[in-house]
Amino acid sequence: MTGRTVKTLHVPFYVPILNPLIHTLLRLGVPVGPMALLTVPGLKTGKSHTNPVAPFEHKGRRYLLSPYGQVNWVRNLRATGQATVRRGWHKETVIAVEMAPEEAAPVLREVIMQYLPTRMGEMILRPNFDVETDSPLTDFVDEARRHPVFELHGSPSA
């Protein structure tokens, strides 16, 4: 990251305000862009926690990344390796495998290239990502260290 100023990750003020609304809409089956509900057992209590997230596909595989870094759902998912993803009325148990930053970098670059030019991407991604769509892959490796990326696989028991 030589010569680059790394942005400090933070959850924007509007996320805790909008998440309950988005959660309710998604629970009712109302589509909200690429959003889905991720339910993960808590690390300490085992109690389920549900958060709106934006899973995406890249080259026929499914992924989930954290735009805000090491947030609670990331720590819980990392610890359990399993979650439920619900989009509309479709609910699926998934196995989540965290990718090494070097593996995650090309996937992260694809997401950034796809969403950063959009108004929503500018609002959500720009404040926490220190890359441009044309940044070298090494910069995306650095970002993948700060923004965990999980590959999602259908659970064999699903």
Protein backbone atom coordinates (compact mmCIF):
# COMPACT_ATOMS: atom_id res chain seq x y z
CA MET A 1 0.00 0.00 0.00
CA THR A 2 2.95 2.27 -0.51
CA GLY A 3 1.90 5.78 -1.45
CA ARG A 4 -1.78 5.13 -0.73
CA THR A 5 -3.81 6.54 2.10
CA VAL A 6 -5.90 3.75 3.57
CA LYS A 7 -9.41 4.77 4.52
CA THR A 8 -10.63 3.89 7.99
CA LEU A 9 -13.61 1.55 7.81
CA HIS A 10 -16.81 2.63 9.47
CA VAL A 11 -20.46 1.78 9.22
CA PRO A 12 -22.20 4.93 7.95
CA PHE A 13 -24.75 6.55 10.24
CA TYR A 14 -27.65 5.65 7.93
CA VAL A 15 -27.03 1.86 7.98
CA PRO A 16 -28.41 1.27 11.51
CA ILE A 17 -31.35 3.53 10.59
CA LEU A 18 -32.16 1.82 7.26
CA ASN A 19 -31.34 -1.79 8.19
CA PRO A 20 -34.55 -2.37 10.20
CA LEU A 21 -36.64 -1.05 7.29
CA ILE A 22 -34.74 -3.14 4.73
CA HIS A 23 -34.94 -6.16 7.03
CA THR A 24 -38.73 -5.77 7.33
CA LEU A 25 -39.23 -5.34 3.57
CA LEU A 26 -37.08 -8.38 2.80
CA ARG A 27 -38.84 -10.47 5.47
CA LEU A 28 -42.16 -9.57 3.80
CA GLY A 29 -40.80 -10.72 0.44
CA VAL A 30 -40.46 -7.22 -1.05
CA PRO A 31 -37.40 -7.11 -3.32
CA VAL A 32 -34.80 -4.51 -2.36
CA GLY A 33 -32.22 -4.52 -5.15
CA PRO A 34 -29.62 -7.26 -4.70
CA MET A 35 -30.30 -7.49 -0.96
CA ALA A 36 -31.01 -10.71 0.93
CA LEU A 37 -31.29 -11.65 4.59
CA LEU A 38 -28.34 -13.46 6.16
CA THR A 39 -29.08 -15.34 9.38
CA VAL A 40 -26.08 -16.53 11.39
CA PRO A 41 -25.88 -17.98 14.91
CA GLY A 42 -24.14 -15.61 17.32
CA LEU A 43 -20.58 -16.39 18.29
CA LYS A 44 -21.14 -16.19 22.05
CA THR A 45 -24.84 -16.92 22.60
CA GLY A 46 -25.74 -19.08 19.62
CA LYS A 47 -28.82 -16.87 19.18
CA SER A 48 -29.61 -16.21 15.51
CA HIS A 49 -28.89 -12.74 14.13
CA THR A 50 -30.28 -11.57 10.80
CA ASN A 51 -28.75 -8.81 8.68
CA PRO A 52 -29.44 -7.45 5.22
CA VAL A 53 -26.53 -8.25 2.90
CA ALA A 54 -25.89 -8.16 -0.84
CA PRO A 55 -24.69 -11.55 -2.14
CA PHE A 56 -23.46 -11.54 -5.73
CA GLU A 57 -22.44 -13.93 -8.47
CA HIS A 58 -19.15 -13.98 -10.34
CA LYS A 59 -18.32 -16.59 -12.98
CA GLY A 60 -21.13 -18.89 -11.80
CA ARG A 61 -20.10 -18.78 -8.13
CA ARG A 62 -21.79 -16.95 -5.25
CA TYR A 63 -20.03 -14.61 -2.88
CA LEU A 64 -20.65 -12.31 0.01
CA LEU A 65 -18.35 -9.44 0.97
CA SER A 66 -18.34 -7.01 3.83
CA PRO A 67 -18.25 -3.40 2.70
CA TYR A 68 -17.69 -2.35 6.32
CA GLY A 69 -14.92 -4.77 7.31
CA GLN A 70 -14.92 -6.88 10.45
CA VAL A 71 -18.55 -6.39 11.51
CA ASN A 72 -20.48 -8.80 13.75
CA TRP A 73 -22.02 -10.91 10.97
CA VAL A 74 -18.50 -11.45 9.55
CA ARG A 75 -17.14 -12.65 12.90
CA ASN A 76 -20.16 -14.91 13.41
CA LEU A 77 -20.01 -16.33 9.88
CA ARG A 78 -16.27 -16.90 10.18
CA ALA A 79 -16.81 -18.80 13.44
CA THR A 80 -19.74 -20.96 12.31
CA GLY A 81 -19.08 -21.29 8.57
CA GLN A 82 -22.80 -21.74 7.97
CA ALA A 83 -25.78 -19.44 7.51
CA THR A 84 -29.21 -19.11 5.99
CA VAL A 85 -29.69 -16.77 3.05
CA ARG A 86 -33.21 -15.66 2.22
CA ARG A 87 -34.16 -13.76 -0.91
CA GLY A 88 -37.87 -13.29 -1.40
CA TRP A 89 -39.53 -16.51 -0.27
CA HIS A 90 -36.52 -18.65 -1.18
CA LYS A 91 -34.49 -19.72 1.84
CA GLU A 92 -31.24 -21.65 1.60
CA THR A 93 -28.72 -22.96 4.08
CA VAL A 94 -25.20 -22.20 2.85
CA ILE A 95 -21.68 -23.10 3.79
CA ALA A 96 -19.51 -19.97 3.76
CA VAL A 97 -15.80 -20.32 3.06
CA GLU A 98 -13.68 -17.25 3.68
CA MET A 99 -11.30 -16.60 0.83
CA ALA A 100 -7.64 -15.68 1.20
CA PRO A 101 -7.01 -12.06 0.14
CA GLU A 102 -5.07 -13.20 -2.94
CA GLU A 103 -8.02 -15.38 -4.05
CA ALA A 104 -10.58 -12.73 -3.17
CA ALA A 105 -8.86 -9.84 -4.99
CA PRO A 106 -10.10 -10.63 -8.53
CA VAL A 107 -13.62 -11.20 -7.20
CA LEU A 108 -13.51 -7.96 -5.23
CA ARG A 109 -12.25 -6.11 -8.31
CA GLU A 110 -15.20 -7.46 -10.32
CA VAL A 111 -17.69 -6.20 -7.72
CA ILE A 112 -16.00 -2.82 -7.49
CA MET A 113 -15.95 -2.47 -11.29
CA GLN A 114 -19.62 -3.39 -11.47
CA TYR A 115 -21.00 -1.31 -8.61
CA LEU A 116 -18.62 1.61 -7.97
CA PRO A 117 -19.83 3.58 -11.03
CA THR A 118 -23.43 3.42 -9.76
CA ARG A 119 -25.02 5.93 -7.40
CA MET A 120 -25.54 3.22 -4.75
CA GLY A 121 -21.95 2.00 -5.15
CA GLU A 122 -20.66 5.52 -4.81
CA MET A 123 -22.60 5.93 -1.56
CA ILE A 124 -21.83 2.52 -0.03
CA LEU A 125 -18.47 1.49 -1.48
CA ARG A 126 -16.55 4.72 -2.13
CA PRO A 127 -16.21 5.78 1.54
CA ASN A 128 -14.65 2.44 2.58
CA PHE A 129 -12.65 1.29 -0.45
CA ASP A 130 -9.33 2.84 -1.41
CA VAL A 131 -9.34 1.61 -5.01
CA GLU A 132 -10.55 2.67 -8.42
CA THR A 133 -11.89 0.41 -11.14
CA ASP A 134 -8.49 0.58 -12.87
CA SER A 135 -6.34 0.03 -9.76
CA PRO A 136 -3.75 -2.77 -9.93
CA LEU A 137 -4.69 -6.17 -8.54
CA THR A 138 -2.26 -5.70 -5.62
CA ASP A 139 -4.44 -2.84 -4.37
CA PHE A 140 -7.44 -5.19 -4.40
CA VAL A 141 -5.44 -7.75 -2.38
CA ASP A 142 -4.90 -5.01 0.22
CA GLU A 143 -8.62 -4.21 0.20
CA ALA A 144 -9.52 -7.91 0.52
CA ARG A 145 -7.51 -7.98 3.77
CA ARG A 146 -9.85 -5.28 5.13
CA HIS A 147 -13.08 -6.51 3.48
CA PRO A 148 -13.61 -10.26 4.04
CA VAL A 149 -15.00 -12.17 1.06
CA PHE A 150 -16.84 -15.47 1.53
CA GLU A 151 -17.72 -17.96 -1.17
CA LEU A 152 -21.18 -19.42 -0.58
CA HIS A 153 -21.91 -23.09 -1.28
CA GLY A 154 -25.25 -24.85 -1.01
CA SER A 155 -25.36 -26.98 2.11
CA PRO A 156 -25.33 -30.75 1.45
CA SER A 157 -28.16 -31.09 3.99
CA ALA A 158 -30.27 -28.37 2.33
